Protein backbone atom coordinates (compact mmCIF):
# COMPACT_ATOMS: atom_id res chain seq x y z
CA MET A 1 -4.18 -38.13 39.73
CA ALA A 2 -4.42 -36.21 36.70
CA LEU A 3 -5.35 -37.89 33.45
CA THR A 4 -2.21 -37.45 31.91
CA GLU A 5 0.00 -38.08 34.64
CA LYS A 6 2.07 -41.40 34.90
CA ILE A 7 -0.08 -43.73 33.10
CA ALA A 8 0.12 -45.25 29.62
CA SER A 9 -0.94 -42.99 26.70
CA ARG A 10 -3.56 -45.97 25.66
CA PHE A 11 -5.44 -45.51 29.20
CA VAL A 12 -5.31 -41.64 28.47
CA TRP A 13 -6.73 -42.27 25.27
CA ALA A 14 -9.55 -44.86 26.31
CA LEU A 15 -10.62 -43.06 29.18
CA GLU A 16 -11.22 -39.87 27.00
CA LEU A 17 -13.39 -42.14 24.51
CA LEU A 18 -15.40 -43.27 27.64
CA ASP A 19 -16.51 -39.88 28.33
CA ILE A 20 -17.07 -40.80 31.95
CA GLN A 21 -20.20 -38.91 33.50
CA PRO A 22 -19.84 -38.36 37.51
CA ASP A 23 -23.10 -40.74 37.95
CA ASP A 24 -21.84 -43.68 35.60
CA ARG A 25 -21.95 -47.21 36.27
CA ILE A 26 -18.81 -48.81 34.84
CA LEU A 27 -17.58 -52.23 34.61
CA GLU A 28 -13.88 -52.93 33.85
CA ILE A 29 -12.97 -56.42 32.62
CA GLY A 30 -9.49 -57.00 33.27
CA CYS A 31 -8.44 -54.16 35.85
CA GLY A 32 -4.65 -55.47 36.26
CA HIS A 33 -3.25 -53.42 39.18
CA GLY A 34 -5.98 -50.81 38.98
CA VAL A 35 -4.50 -47.92 37.06
CA ALA A 36 -7.92 -47.17 35.38
CA VAL A 37 -9.96 -47.73 38.67
CA SER A 38 -7.79 -45.03 40.13
CA VAL A 39 -8.50 -42.31 37.44
CA ILE A 40 -12.30 -43.30 37.22
CA GLY A 41 -12.75 -43.19 41.03
CA ASP A 42 -11.76 -39.28 40.90
CA MET A 43 -14.01 -38.77 37.95
CA LEU A 44 -17.19 -40.19 39.92
CA ASP A 45 -19.43 -38.46 42.16
CA GLN A 46 -22.35 -40.79 42.53
CA GLY A 47 -21.46 -43.16 40.33
CA ARG A 48 -19.15 -46.39 40.70
CA VAL A 49 -16.46 -48.50 39.05
CA THR A 50 -16.71 -51.97 39.41
CA ALA A 51 -13.47 -53.96 38.44
CA ILE A 52 -12.67 -57.68 37.65
CA ASP A 53 -9.40 -59.67 37.04
CA ARG A 54 -8.97 -63.11 37.16
CA SER A 55 -5.40 -62.63 38.72
CA TYR A 56 -5.83 -62.85 42.52
CA ASP A 57 -2.35 -61.14 42.54
CA MET A 58 -3.40 -58.22 40.19
CA VAL A 59 -6.41 -57.69 42.31
CA GLU A 60 -4.73 -57.55 45.25
CA LEU A 61 -2.50 -54.87 44.03
CA ALA A 62 -5.57 -52.73 42.63
CA ARG A 63 -7.15 -53.29 46.01
CA GLN A 64 -4.00 -51.39 47.54
CA LYS A 65 -3.61 -48.89 45.26
CA ASN A 66 -7.41 -47.77 45.40
CA GLN A 67 -8.24 -48.13 49.28
CA GLY A 68 -9.78 -44.80 49.13
CA HIS A 69 -12.18 -45.35 46.55
CA LEU A 70 -12.83 -48.91 47.68
CA LYS A 71 -13.90 -47.26 51.31
CA SER A 72 -15.87 -44.36 49.72
CA GLY A 73 -17.92 -47.16 47.61
CA LYS A 74 -16.92 -45.42 44.48
CA ALA A 75 -15.04 -48.63 43.57
CA VAL A 76 -15.58 -52.30 43.94
CA ILE A 77 -12.84 -54.73 42.66
CA GLN A 78 -13.25 -58.62 42.59
CA PRO A 79 -11.02 -61.47 41.50
CA VAL A 80 -13.20 -63.37 39.10
CA SER A 81 -13.05 -63.82 35.38
CA LEU A 82 -16.07 -62.32 33.26
CA ASP A 83 -17.40 -65.81 32.44
CA ARG A 84 -17.86 -66.62 36.10
CA ALA A 85 -19.03 -63.25 37.42
CA ASP A 86 -22.40 -62.66 38.95
CA PHE A 87 -23.26 -58.87 38.99
CA GLY A 88 -26.86 -59.93 40.14
CA ASP A 89 -29.10 -56.90 39.29
CA GLU A 90 -26.58 -54.28 38.91
CA ARG A 91 -26.28 -52.78 35.53
CA PHE A 92 -23.50 -50.84 33.76
CA ASP A 93 -23.74 -47.72 31.42
CA ARG A 94 -19.99 -48.37 30.39
CA ILE A 95 -18.30 -51.55 30.14
CA PHE A 96 -14.91 -51.51 28.70
CA ALA A 97 -11.68 -53.85 28.70
CA ILE A 98 -7.93 -52.97 27.35
CA ASN A 99 -5.91 -55.57 25.79
CA VAL A 100 -8.29 -58.09 26.99
CA SER A 101 -8.01 -61.09 24.29
CA LEU A 102 -11.47 -62.51 25.21
CA PHE A 103 -13.23 -60.19 22.62
CA GLU A 104 -11.29 -61.66 19.82
CA GLN A 105 -12.18 -64.92 20.37
CA GLN A 106 -15.52 -66.79 20.67
CA ALA A 107 -16.57 -65.71 23.97
CA ASP A 108 -20.45 -66.30 23.83
CA ARG A 109 -20.69 -66.67 27.92
CA GLY A 110 -18.85 -63.32 28.56
CA LEU A 111 -20.61 -61.38 25.85
CA ASP A 112 -24.03 -62.85 26.70
CA ILE A 113 -23.23 -61.37 30.68
CA ILE A 114 -21.97 -58.13 29.07
CA LYS A 115 -25.45 -57.92 26.81
CA ALA A 116 -27.36 -58.65 30.22
CA THR A 117 -25.73 -56.20 32.28
CA LEU A 118 -25.46 -53.11 30.09
CA VAL A 119 -28.23 -50.84 30.55
CA PRO A 120 -30.49 -49.50 27.44
CA ALA A 121 -28.09 -47.68 24.98
CA GLY A 122 -25.26 -48.65 27.27
CA ARG A 123 -21.85 -49.06 25.41
CA LEU A 124 -19.20 -51.61 25.38
CA TYR A 125 -15.52 -50.09 24.56
CA VAL A 126 -13.02 -52.75 23.44
CA ILE A 127 -9.55 -51.31 23.47
CA PHE A 128 -6.27 -52.85 22.08
CA GLN A 129 -2.74 -52.00 21.43
CA PRO A 130 -0.80 -55.05 20.39
CA PRO A 131 3.08 -54.72 20.61
CA ASN A 132 3.42 -54.49 16.54
CA SER A 133 1.25 -51.74 14.65
CA SER A 134 0.88 -54.42 12.00
CA LYS A 135 -1.41 -56.55 14.13
CA THR A 136 -3.94 -53.65 15.15
CA ARG A 137 -6.31 -53.95 12.17
CA GLU A 138 -6.43 -57.94 12.31
CA LEU A 139 -7.42 -57.41 15.91
CA ALA A 140 -9.94 -54.93 15.13
CA ASP A 141 -11.41 -56.94 12.22
CA ARG A 142 -11.63 -60.24 13.98
CA THR A 143 -13.13 -58.43 17.33
CA ILE A 144 -15.55 -56.82 15.15
CA ARG A 145 -16.68 -60.15 13.63
CA ASN A 146 -17.15 -61.76 16.68
CA LEU A 147 -19.02 -58.84 18.40
CA GLU A 148 -21.47 -58.65 15.56
CA ALA A 149 -22.13 -62.40 15.84
CA ASN A 150 -22.65 -62.35 19.13
CA GLY A 151 -25.52 -59.44 18.95
CA PHE A 152 -23.77 -56.24 19.09
CA ALA A 153 -23.70 -53.37 16.79
CA ILE A 154 -20.61 -51.41 16.04
CA GLU A 155 -21.02 -47.70 16.62
CA ARG A 156 -17.59 -46.56 16.16
CA VAL A 157 -14.10 -48.02 15.43
CA SER A 158 -10.98 -45.55 16.20
CA PHE A 159 -7.22 -45.89 15.59
CA LYS A 160 -4.72 -43.81 17.50
CA ASP A 161 -1.16 -43.92 16.89
CA LEU A 162 0.47 -44.59 20.10
CA ASP A 163 3.87 -45.25 21.30
CA PRO A 164 4.85 -48.09 21.00
CA ALA A 165 2.13 -48.82 18.43
CA THR A 166 -1.37 -48.16 16.98
CA ALA A 167 -4.46 -48.83 19.50
CA THR A 168 -7.71 -49.19 18.32
CA CYS A 169 -11.21 -48.98 20.25
CA ILE A 170 -14.18 -50.34 19.16
CA GLU A 171 -17.11 -49.15 20.66
CA ALA A 172 -20.63 -51.30 20.45
CA THR A 173 -24.05 -51.41 21.81
CA VAL A 174 -26.48 -54.39 22.13
CA ALA A 175 -28.01 -54.79 18.63
């Protein structure tokens, strides 16, 4: 699937910002029905995408959509919330979430898991596209405060006018 075909503009923009390399190890939090997993799996050579979602129904849809990537070992899709996830010794170059409210709230356990599973110099990308552009800045500011309060350094904050509303991407590293 080409990056610009049949996927929402926020996914296209987010995946461009992630700048995925063929050997990256990536974690997607809240994978939904697996749209990003499909595109990322096509970009990987020796890398792997691990996708989690707390909805069993969404995980089942994601697994059906990504059977080839699952069989090749390029993808792992698990029905689990971040605060209950156990990645063992696995470490990630990039961790991202699109429209996951976890990051604007107190999420100490989840953020501790992210800090523990990012490789040195690894990146966290938090992408939001609220239904109304008037909420974008407020969500970004709240998320930035929460990330900084939990040991992250903000590397870049990007905004993009997309349909139907402005989206933001907050890129962070472990401080």
